[in-house]
PDB file of all heavy atoms in Angstrom:
ATOM      1  N   GLU A   1     113.083 107.762  99.312  1.00  0.00           N
ATOM      2  CA  GLU A   1     112.947 106.644  98.373  1.00  0.00           C
ATOM      3  C   GLU A   1     112.631 105.343  99.098  1.00  0.00           C
ATOM      4  O   GLU A   1     111.813 104.552  98.627  1.00  0.00           O
ATOM      5  CB  GLU A   1     114.237 106.476  97.552  1.00  0.00           C
ATOM      6  CG  GLU A   1     114.233 107.289  96.286  1.00  0.00           C
ATOM      7  CD  GLU A   1     115.379 106.894  95.367  1.00  0.00           C
ATOM      8  OE1 GLU A   1     115.488 105.701  95.014  1.00  0.00           O
ATOM      9  OE2 GLU A   1     116.154 107.799  95.021  1.00  0.00           O
ATOM     10  N   CYS A   2     113.278 105.123 100.232  1.00  0.00           N
ATOM     11  CA  CYS A   2     113.011 103.906 101.008  1.00  0.00           C
ATOM     12  C   CYS A   2     111.563 103.871 101.476  1.00  0.00           C
ATOM     13  O   CYS A   2     110.898 102.825 101.395  1.00  0.00           O
ATOM     14  CB  CYS A   2     113.946 103.822 102.216  1.00  0.00           C
ATOM     15  SG  CYS A   2     115.665 103.520 101.782  1.00  0.00           S
ATOM     16  N   VAL A   3     111.055 104.996 101.952  1.00  0.00           N
ATOM     17  CA  VAL A   3     109.673 105.060 102.412  1.00  0.00           C
ATOM     18  C   VAL A   3     108.719 104.840 101.236  1.00  0.00           C
ATOM     19  O   VAL A   3     107.748 104.076 101.346  1.00  0.00           O
ATOM     20  CB  VAL A   3     109.398 106.403 103.127  1.00  0.00           C
ATOM     21  CG1 VAL A   3     107.914 106.589 103.399  1.00  0.00           C
ATOM     22  CG2 VAL A   3     110.189 106.468 104.437  1.00  0.00           C
ATOM     23  N   ASN A   4     108.999 105.461 100.107  1.00  0.00           N
ATOM     24  CA  ASN A   4     108.150 105.254  98.925  1.00  0.00           C
ATOM     25  C   ASN A   4     108.193 103.807  98.453  1.00  0.00           C
ATOM     26  O   ASN A   4     107.170 103.247  98.054  1.00  0.00           O
ATOM     27  CB  ASN A   4     108.558 106.204  97.799  1.00  0.00           C
ATOM     28  CG  ASN A   4     108.159 107.630  98.094  1.00  0.00           C
ATOM     29  OD1 ASN A   4     107.225 107.891  98.839  1.00  0.00           O
ATOM     30  ND2 ASN A   4     108.887 108.576  97.512  1.00  0.00           N
ATOM     31  N   ASP A   5     109.374 103.200  98.494  1.00  0.00           N
ATOM     32  CA  ASP A   5     109.484 101.782  98.138  1.00  0.00           C
ATOM     33  C   ASP A   5     108.691 100.918  99.118  1.00  0.00           C
ATOM     34  O   ASP A   5     108.113  99.896  98.731  1.00  0.00           O
ATOM     35  CB  ASP A   5     110.950 101.339  98.115  1.00  0.00           C
ATOM     36  CG  ASP A   5     111.719 101.901  96.932  1.00  0.00           C
ATOM     37  OD1 ASP A   5     111.088 102.466  96.006  1.00  0.00           O
ATOM     38  OD2 ASP A   5     112.968 101.808  96.940  1.00  0.00           O
ATOM     39  N   ALA A   6     108.659 101.328 100.378  1.00  0.00           N
ATOM     40  CA  ALA A   6     107.884 100.584 101.380  1.00  0.00           C
ATOM     41  C   ALA A   6     106.391 100.668 101.075  1.00  0.00           C
ATOM     42  O   ALA A   6     105.664  99.677 101.221  1.00  0.00           O
ATOM     43  CB  ALA A   6     108.179 101.113 102.780  1.00  0.00           C
ATOM     44  N   TYR A   7     105.925 101.838 100.620  1.00  0.00           N
ATOM     45  CA  TYR A   7     104.518 101.967 100.239  1.00  0.00           C
ATOM     46  C   TYR A   7     104.194 101.018  99.088  1.00  0.00           C
ATOM     47  O   TYR A   7     103.152 100.348  99.091  1.00  0.00           O
ATOM     48  CB  TYR A   7     104.171 103.399  99.827  1.00  0.00           C
ATOM     49  CG  TYR A   7     104.297 104.409 100.946  1.00  0.00           C
ATOM     50  CD1 TYR A   7     104.766 105.687 100.691  1.00  0.00           C
ATOM     51  CD2 TYR A   7     103.949 104.099 102.256  1.00  0.00           C
ATOM     52  CE1 TYR A   7     104.882 106.622 101.702  1.00  0.00           C
ATOM     53  CE2 TYR A   7     104.066 105.028 103.275  1.00  0.00           C
ATOM     54  CZ  TYR A   7     104.535 106.288 102.998  1.00  0.00           C
ATOM     55  OH  TYR A   7     104.645 107.203 104.003  1.00  0.00           O
ATOM     56  N   LEU A   8     105.091 100.950  98.115  1.00  0.00           N
ATOM     57  CA  LEU A   8     104.895 100.035  96.989  1.00  0.00           C
ATOM     58  C   LEU A   8     104.863  98.589  97.481  1.00  0.00           C
ATOM     59  O   LEU A   8     104.015  97.805  97.056  1.00  0.00           O
ATOM     60  CB  LEU A   8     106.002 100.220  95.947  1.00  0.00           C
ATOM     61  CG  LEU A   8     105.962  99.270  94.756  1.00  0.00           C
ATOM     62  CD1 LEU A   8     104.676  99.446  93.951  1.00  0.00           C
ATOM     63  CD2 LEU A   8     107.187  99.477  93.866  1.00  0.00           C
ATOM     64  N   HIS A   9     105.779  98.267  98.391  1.00  0.00           N
ATOM     65  CA  HIS A   9     105.812  96.908  98.949  1.00  0.00           C
ATOM     66  C   HIS A   9     104.481  96.581  99.629  1.00  0.00           C
ATOM     67  O   HIS A   9     103.937  95.489  99.439  1.00  0.00           O
ATOM     68  CB  HIS A   9     106.966  96.757  99.937  1.00  0.00           C
ATOM     69  CG  HIS A   9     106.931  95.454 100.671  1.00  0.00           C
ATOM     70  ND1 HIS A   9     107.396  94.285 100.115  1.00  0.00           N
ATOM     71  CD2 HIS A   9     106.450  95.135 101.904  1.00  0.00           C
ATOM     72  CE1 HIS A   9     107.209  93.297 100.992  1.00  0.00           C
ATOM     73  NE2 HIS A   9     106.636  93.795 102.075  1.00  0.00           N
ATOM     74  N   LEU A  10     103.971  97.524 100.427  1.00  0.00           N
ATOM     75  CA  LEU A  10     102.685  97.303 101.093  1.00  0.00           C
ATOM     76  C   LEU A  10     101.581  97.080 100.073  1.00  0.00           C
ATOM     77  O   LEU A  10     100.737  96.186 100.234  1.00  0.00           O
ATOM     78  CB  LEU A  10     102.322  98.496 101.980  1.00  0.00           C
ATOM     79  CG  LEU A  10     103.175  98.737 103.217  1.00  0.00           C
ATOM     80  CD1 LEU A  10     102.715 100.001 103.930  1.00  0.00           C
ATOM     81  CD2 LEU A  10     103.124  97.556 104.162  1.00  0.00           C
ATOM     82  N   TRP A  11     101.570  97.892  99.035  1.00  0.00           N
ATOM     83  CA  TRP A  11     100.543  97.790  97.994  1.00  0.00           C
ATOM     84  C   TRP A  11     100.572  96.408  97.344  1.00  0.00           C
ATOM     85  O   TRP A  11      99.528  95.824  97.057  1.00  0.00           O
ATOM     86  CB  TRP A  11     100.745  98.891  96.956  1.00  0.00           C
ATOM     87  CG  TRP A  11      99.611  98.991  95.991  1.00  0.00           C
ATOM     88  CD1 TRP A  11      99.551  98.465  94.747  1.00  0.00           C
ATOM     89  CD2 TRP A  11      98.364  99.647  96.212  1.00  0.00           C
ATOM     90  NE1 TRP A  11      98.339  98.759  94.157  1.00  0.00           N
ATOM     91  CE2 TRP A  11      97.584  99.494  95.048  1.00  0.00           C
ATOM     92  CE3 TRP A  11      97.827 100.363  97.281  1.00  0.00           C
ATOM     93  CZ2 TRP A  11      96.310 100.013  94.922  1.00  0.00           C
ATOM     94  CZ3 TRP A  11      96.553 100.890  97.144  1.00  0.00           C
ATOM     95  CH2 TRP A  11      95.811 100.709  95.977  1.00  0.00           C
ATOM     96  N   GLN A  12     101.767  95.887  97.149  1.00  0.00           N
ATOM     97  CA  GLN A  12     101.900  94.584  96.499  1.00  0.00           C
ATOM     98  C   GLN A  12     101.671  93.421  97.471  1.00  0.00           C
ATOM     99  O   GLN A  12     101.256  92.349  97.058  1.00  0.00           O
ATOM    100  CB  GLN A  12     103.287  94.458  95.871  1.00  0.00           C
ATOM    101  CG  GLN A  12     103.483  95.402  94.707  1.00  0.00           C
ATOM    102  CD  GLN A  12     104.914  95.433  94.201  1.00  0.00           C
ATOM    103  OE1 GLN A  12     105.856  95.084  94.917  1.00  0.00           O
ATOM    104  NE2 GLN A  12     105.090  95.891  92.975  1.00  0.00           N
ATOM    105  N   ALA A  13     101.928  93.638  98.757  1.00  0.00           N
ATOM    106  CA  ALA A  13     101.846  92.545  99.731  1.00  0.00           C
ATOM    107  C   ALA A  13     100.469  92.405 100.384  1.00  0.00           C
ATOM    108  O   ALA A  13     100.112  91.327 100.857  1.00  0.00           O
ATOM    109  CB  ALA A  13     102.899  92.741 100.818  1.00  0.00           C
ATOM    110  N   ILE A  14      99.712  93.511 100.451  1.00  0.00           N
ATOM    111  CA  ILE A  14      98.402  93.478 101.093  1.00  0.00           C
ATOM    112  C   ILE A  14      97.349  93.696 100.016  1.00  0.00           C
ATOM    113  O   ILE A  14      97.288  94.791  99.462  1.00  0.00           O
ATOM    114  CB  ILE A  14      98.268  94.580 102.165  1.00  0.00           C
ATOM    115  CG1 ILE A  14      99.391  94.467 103.188  1.00  0.00           C
ATOM    116  CG2 ILE A  14      96.909  94.518 102.836  1.00  0.00           C
ATOM    117  CD1 ILE A  14      99.451  95.625 104.166  1.00  0.00           C
ATOM    118  N   PRO A  15      96.424  92.816  99.732  1.00  0.00           N
ATOM    119  CA  PRO A  15      96.452  91.422 100.086  1.00  0.00           C
ATOM    120  C   PRO A  15      97.535  90.657  99.312  1.00  0.00           C
ATOM    121  O   PRO A  15      98.050  91.214  98.365  1.00  0.00           O
ATOM    122  CB  PRO A  15      95.057  90.953  99.704  1.00  0.00           C
ATOM    123  CG  PRO A  15      94.576  91.900  98.649  1.00  0.00           C
ATOM    124  CD  PRO A  15      95.332  93.180  98.870  1.00  0.00           C
ATOM    125  N   PRO A  16      97.851  89.467  99.613  1.00  0.00           N
ATOM    126  CA  PRO A  16      97.187  88.501 100.468  1.00  0.00           C
ATOM    127  C   PRO A  16      97.567  88.596 101.951  1.00  0.00           C
ATOM    128  O   PRO A  16      96.863  88.055 102.786  1.00  0.00           O
ATOM    129  CB  PRO A  16      97.644  87.162  99.904  1.00  0.00           C
ATOM    130  CG  PRO A  16      99.008  87.430  99.387  1.00  0.00           C
ATOM    131  CD  PRO A  16      98.956  88.848  98.871  1.00  0.00           C
ATOM    132  N   GLU A  17      98.696  89.258 102.284  1.00  0.00           N
ATOM    133  CA  GLU A  17      99.079  89.342 103.695  1.00  0.00           C
ATOM    134  C   GLU A  17      98.132  90.257 104.443  1.00  0.00           C
ATOM    135  O   GLU A  17      97.587  91.201 103.890  1.00  0.00           O
ATOM    136  CB  GLU A  17     100.507  89.883 103.833  1.00  0.00           C
ATOM    137  CG  GLU A  17     101.580  88.879 103.494  1.00  0.00           C
ATOM    138  CD  GLU A  17     102.952  89.372 103.892  1.00  0.00           C
ATOM    139  OE1 GLU A  17     103.109  89.812 105.043  1.00  0.00           O
ATOM    140  OE2 GLU A  17     103.838  89.324 103.039  1.00  0.00           O
ATOM    141  N   ARG A  18      97.972  89.962 105.725  1.00  0.00           N
ATOM    142  CA  ARG A  18      97.204  90.831 106.621  1.00  0.00           C
ATOM    143  C   ARG A  18      98.039  90.957 107.898  1.00  0.00           C
ATOM    144  O   ARG A  18      97.898  90.150 108.816  1.00  0.00           O
ATOM    145  CB  ARG A  18      95.838  90.245 106.918  1.00  0.00           C
ATOM    146  CG  ARG A  18      94.936  91.199 107.691  1.00  0.00           C
ATOM    147  CD  ARG A  18      93.560  90.625 107.947  1.00  0.00           C
ATOM    148  NE  ARG A  18      92.728  90.518 106.765  1.00  0.00           N
ATOM    149  CZ  ARG A  18      91.928  91.487 106.321  1.00  0.00           C
ATOM    150  NH1 ARG A  18      91.870  92.622 106.946  1.00  0.00           N
ATOM    151  NH2 ARG A  18      91.200  91.301 105.248  1.00  0.00           N
ATOM    152  N   PRO A  19      98.913  91.984 107.947  1.00  0.00           N
ATOM    153  CA  PRO A  19      99.810  92.134 109.095  1.00  0.00           C
ATOM    154  C   PRO A  19      99.043  92.292 110.404  1.00  0.00           C
ATOM    155  O   PRO A  19      98.018  92.986 110.457  1.00  0.00           O
ATOM    156  CB  PRO A  19     100.590  93.410 108.789  1.00  0.00           C
ATOM    157  CG  PRO A  19     100.299  93.765 107.387  1.00  0.00           C
ATOM    158  CD  PRO A  19      99.072  93.051 106.975  1.00  0.00           C
ATOM    159  N   ILE A  20      99.556  91.657 111.437  1.00  0.00           N
ATOM    160  CA  ILE A  20      98.929  91.751 112.753  1.00  0.00           C
ATOM    161  C   ILE A  20      99.189  93.131 113.359  1.00  0.00           C
ATOM    162  O   ILE A  20      98.298  93.768 113.878  1.00  0.00           O
ATOM    163  CB  ILE A  20      99.455  90.635 113.679  1.00  0.00           C
ATOM    164  CG1 ILE A  20      99.022  89.273 113.131  1.00  0.00           C
ATOM    165  CG2 ILE A  20      98.951  90.837 115.105  1.00  0.00           C
ATOM    166  CD1 ILE A  20      99.654  88.098 113.806  1.00  0.00           C
ATOM    167  N   CYS A  21     100.418  93.579 113.263  1.00  0.00           N
ATOM    168  CA  CYS A  21     100.791  94.904 113.773  1.00  0.00           C
ATOM    169  C   CYS A  21     101.288  95.727 112.582  1.00  0.00           C
ATOM    170  O   CYS A  21     102.450  95.658 112.204  1.00  0.00           O
ATOM    171  CB  CYS A  21     101.865  94.779 114.851  1.00  0.00           C
ATOM    172  SG  CYS A  21     102.285  96.352 115.596  1.00  0.00           S
ATOM    173  N   PHE A  22     100.382  96.485 112.002  1.00  0.00           N
ATOM    174  CA  PHE A  22     100.654  97.187 110.753  1.00  0.00           C
ATOM    175  C   PHE A  22     101.831  98.155 110.871  1.00  0.00           C
ATOM    176  O   PHE A  22     102.692  98.207 109.996  1.00  0.00           O
ATOM    177  CB  PHE A  22      99.393  97.926 110.282  1.00  0.00           C
ATOM    178  CG  PHE A  22      99.593  98.673 108.995  1.00  0.00           C
ATOM    179  CD1 PHE A  22      99.654  97.995 107.799  1.00  0.00           C
ATOM    180  CD2 PHE A  22      99.744 100.050 108.996  1.00  0.00           C
ATOM    181  CE1 PHE A  22      99.851  98.674 106.594  1.00  0.00           C
ATOM    182  CE2 PHE A  22      99.937 100.741 107.810  1.00  0.00           C
ATOM    183  CZ  PHE A  22      99.990 100.051 106.611  1.00  0.00           C
ATOM    184  N   GLY A  23     101.874  98.936 111.953  1.00  0.00           N
ATOM    185  CA  GLY A  23     102.954  99.913 112.129  1.00  0.00           C
ATOM    186  C   GLY A  23     104.321  99.246 112.167  1.00  0.00           C
ATOM    187  O   GLY A  23     105.263  99.689 111.511  1.00  0.00           O
ATOM    188  N   ALA A  24     104.423  98.167 112.912  1.00  0.00           N
ATOM    189  CA  ALA A  24     105.690  97.434 112.995  1.00  0.00           C
ATOM    190  C   ALA A  24     106.052  96.823 111.643  1.00  0.00           C
ATOM    191  O   ALA A  24     107.214  96.822 111.238  1.00  0.00           O
ATOM    192  CB  ALA A  24     105.605  96.344 114.057  1.00  0.00           C
ATOM    193  N   TYR A  25     105.046  96.320 110.935  1.00  0.00           N
ATOM    194  CA  TYR A  25     105.261  95.734 109.611  1.00  0.00           C
ATOM    195  C   TYR A  25     105.812  96.789 108.648  1.00  0.00           C
ATOM    196  O   TYR A  25     106.784  96.551 107.930  1.00  0.00           O
ATOM    197  CB  TYR A  25     103.940  95.159 109.091  1.00  0.00           C
ATOM    198  CG  TYR A  25     104.031  94.486 107.744  1.00  0.00           C
ATOM    199  CD1 TYR A  25     104.487  93.181 107.631  1.00  0.00           C
ATOM    200  CD2 TYR A  25     103.651  95.158 106.583  1.00  0.00           C
ATOM    201  CE1 TYR A  25     104.558  92.557 106.394  1.00  0.00           C
ATOM    202  CE2 TYR A  25     103.725  94.543 105.346  1.00  0.00           C
ATOM    203  CZ  TYR A  25     104.175  93.236 105.262  1.00  0.00           C
ATOM    204  OH  TYR A  25     104.252  92.626 104.036  1.00  0.00           O
ATOM    205  N   PHE A  26     105.197  97.976 108.658  1.00  0.00           N
ATOM    206  CA  PHE A  26     105.650  99.057 107.790  1.00  0.00           C
ATOM    207  C   PHE A  26     107.076  99.487 108.147  1.00  0.00           C
ATOM    208  O   PHE A  26     107.936  99.603 107.269  1.00  0.00           O
ATOM    209  CB  PHE A  26     104.696 100.254 107.890  1.00  0.00           C
ATOM    210  CG  PHE A  26     105.197 101.475 107.169  1.00  0.00           C
ATOM    211  CD1 PHE A  26     105.227 101.512 105.789  1.00  0.00           C
ATOM    212  CD2 PHE A  26     105.664 102.578 107.876  1.00  0.00           C
ATOM    213  CE1 PHE A  26     105.706 102.636 105.109  1.00  0.00           C
ATOM    214  CE2 PHE A  26     106.141 103.697 107.210  1.00  0.00           C
ATOM    215  CZ  PHE A  26     106.162 103.732 105.834  1.00  0.00           C
ATOM    216  N   LEU A  27     107.337  99.704 109.433  1.00  0.00           N
ATOM    217  CA  LEU A  27     108.673 100.162 109.840  1.00  0.00           C
ATOM    218  C   LEU A  27     109.741  99.103 109.582  1.00  0.00           C
ATOM    219  O   LEU A  27     110.868  99.431 109.212  1.00  0.00           O
ATOM    220  CB  LEU A  27     108.664 100.590 111.307  1.00  0.00           C
ATOM    221  CG  LEU A  27     107.849 101.849 111.596  1.00  0.00           C
ATOM    222  CD1 LEU A  27     107.764 102.100 113.097  1.00  0.00           C
ATOM    223  CD2 LEU A  27     108.418 103.059 110.871  1.00  0.00           C
ATOM    224  N   ARG A  28     109.400  97.839 109.755  1.00  0.00           N
ATOM    225  CA  ARG A  28     110.358  96.774 109.440  1.00  0.00           C
ATOM    226  C   ARG A  28     110.677  96.770 107.943  1.00  0.00           C
ATOM    227  O   ARG A  28     111.822  96.592 107.531  1.00  0.00           O
ATOM    228  CB  ARG A  28     109.817  95.413 109.866  1.00  0.00           C
ATOM    229  CG  ARG A  28     110.858  94.297 109.675  1.00  0.00           C
ATOM    230  CD  ARG A  28     110.307  92.951 109.991  1.00  0.00           C
ATOM    231  NE  ARG A  28     109.314  92.631 108.971  1.00  0.00           N
ATOM    232  CZ  ARG A  28     108.343  91.761 109.126  1.00  0.00           C
ATOM    233  NH1 ARG A  28     108.177  91.126 110.243  1.00  0.00           N
ATOM    234  NH2 ARG A  28     107.500  91.513 108.144  1.00  0.00           N
ATOM    235  N   THR A  29     109.653  97.008 107.129  1.00  0.00           N
ATOM    236  CA  THR A  29     109.854  97.080 105.680  1.00  0.00           C
ATOM    237  C   THR A  29     110.772  98.237 105.332  1.00  0.00           C
ATOM    238  O   THR A  29     111.719  98.083 104.554  1.00  0.00           O
ATOM    239  CB  THR A  29     108.498  97.217 104.956  1.00  0.00           C
ATOM    240  OG1 THR A  29     107.671  96.095 105.297  1.00  0.00           O
ATOM    241  CG2 THR A  29     108.680  97.280 103.461  1.00  0.00           C
ATOM    242  N   VAL A  30     110.515  99.414 105.909  1.00  0.00           N
ATOM    243  CA  VAL A  30     111.362 100.589 105.666  1.00  0.00           C
ATOM    244  C   VAL A  30     112.791 100.294 106.096  1.00  0.00           C
ATOM    245  O   VAL A  30     113.751 100.582 105.364  1.00  0.00           O
ATOM    246  CB  VAL A  30     110.822 101.831 106.422  1.00  0.00           C
ATOM    247  CG1 VAL A  30     111.828 102.971 106.384  1.00  0.00           C
ATOM    248  CG2 VAL A  30     109.495 102.278 105.846  1.00  0.00           C
ATOM    249  N   ARG A  31     112.937  99.717 107.273  1.00  0.00           N
ATOM    250  CA  ARG A  31     114.274  99.414 107.806  1.00  0.00           C
ATOM    251  C   ARG A  31     115.036  98.458 106.889  1.00  0.00           C
ATOM    252  O   ARG A  31     116.207  98.672 106.579  1.00  0.00           O
ATOM    253  CB  ARG A  31     114.133  98.819 109.199  1.00  0.00           C
ATOM    254  CG  ARG A  31     115.432  98.551 109.902  1.00  0.00           C
ATOM    255  CD  ARG A  31     115.146  98.135 111.347  1.00  0.00           C
ATOM    256  NE  ARG A  31     116.362  97.981 112.078  1.00  0.00           N
ATOM    257  CZ  ARG A  31     117.031  96.844 112.182  1.00  0.00           C
ATOM    258  NH1 ARG A  31     116.592  95.760 111.586  1.00  0.00           N
ATOM    259  NH2 ARG A  31     118.143  96.791 112.880  1.00  0.00           N
TER     260      ARG A  31
END
């Protein structure tokens, strides 16, 4: 569920955000 919620967060945040380090951004969101 946390990982799926992170996917939703990414979908809603990108755009307008453009993460510099995508992997770290995703894992920080999951964490």
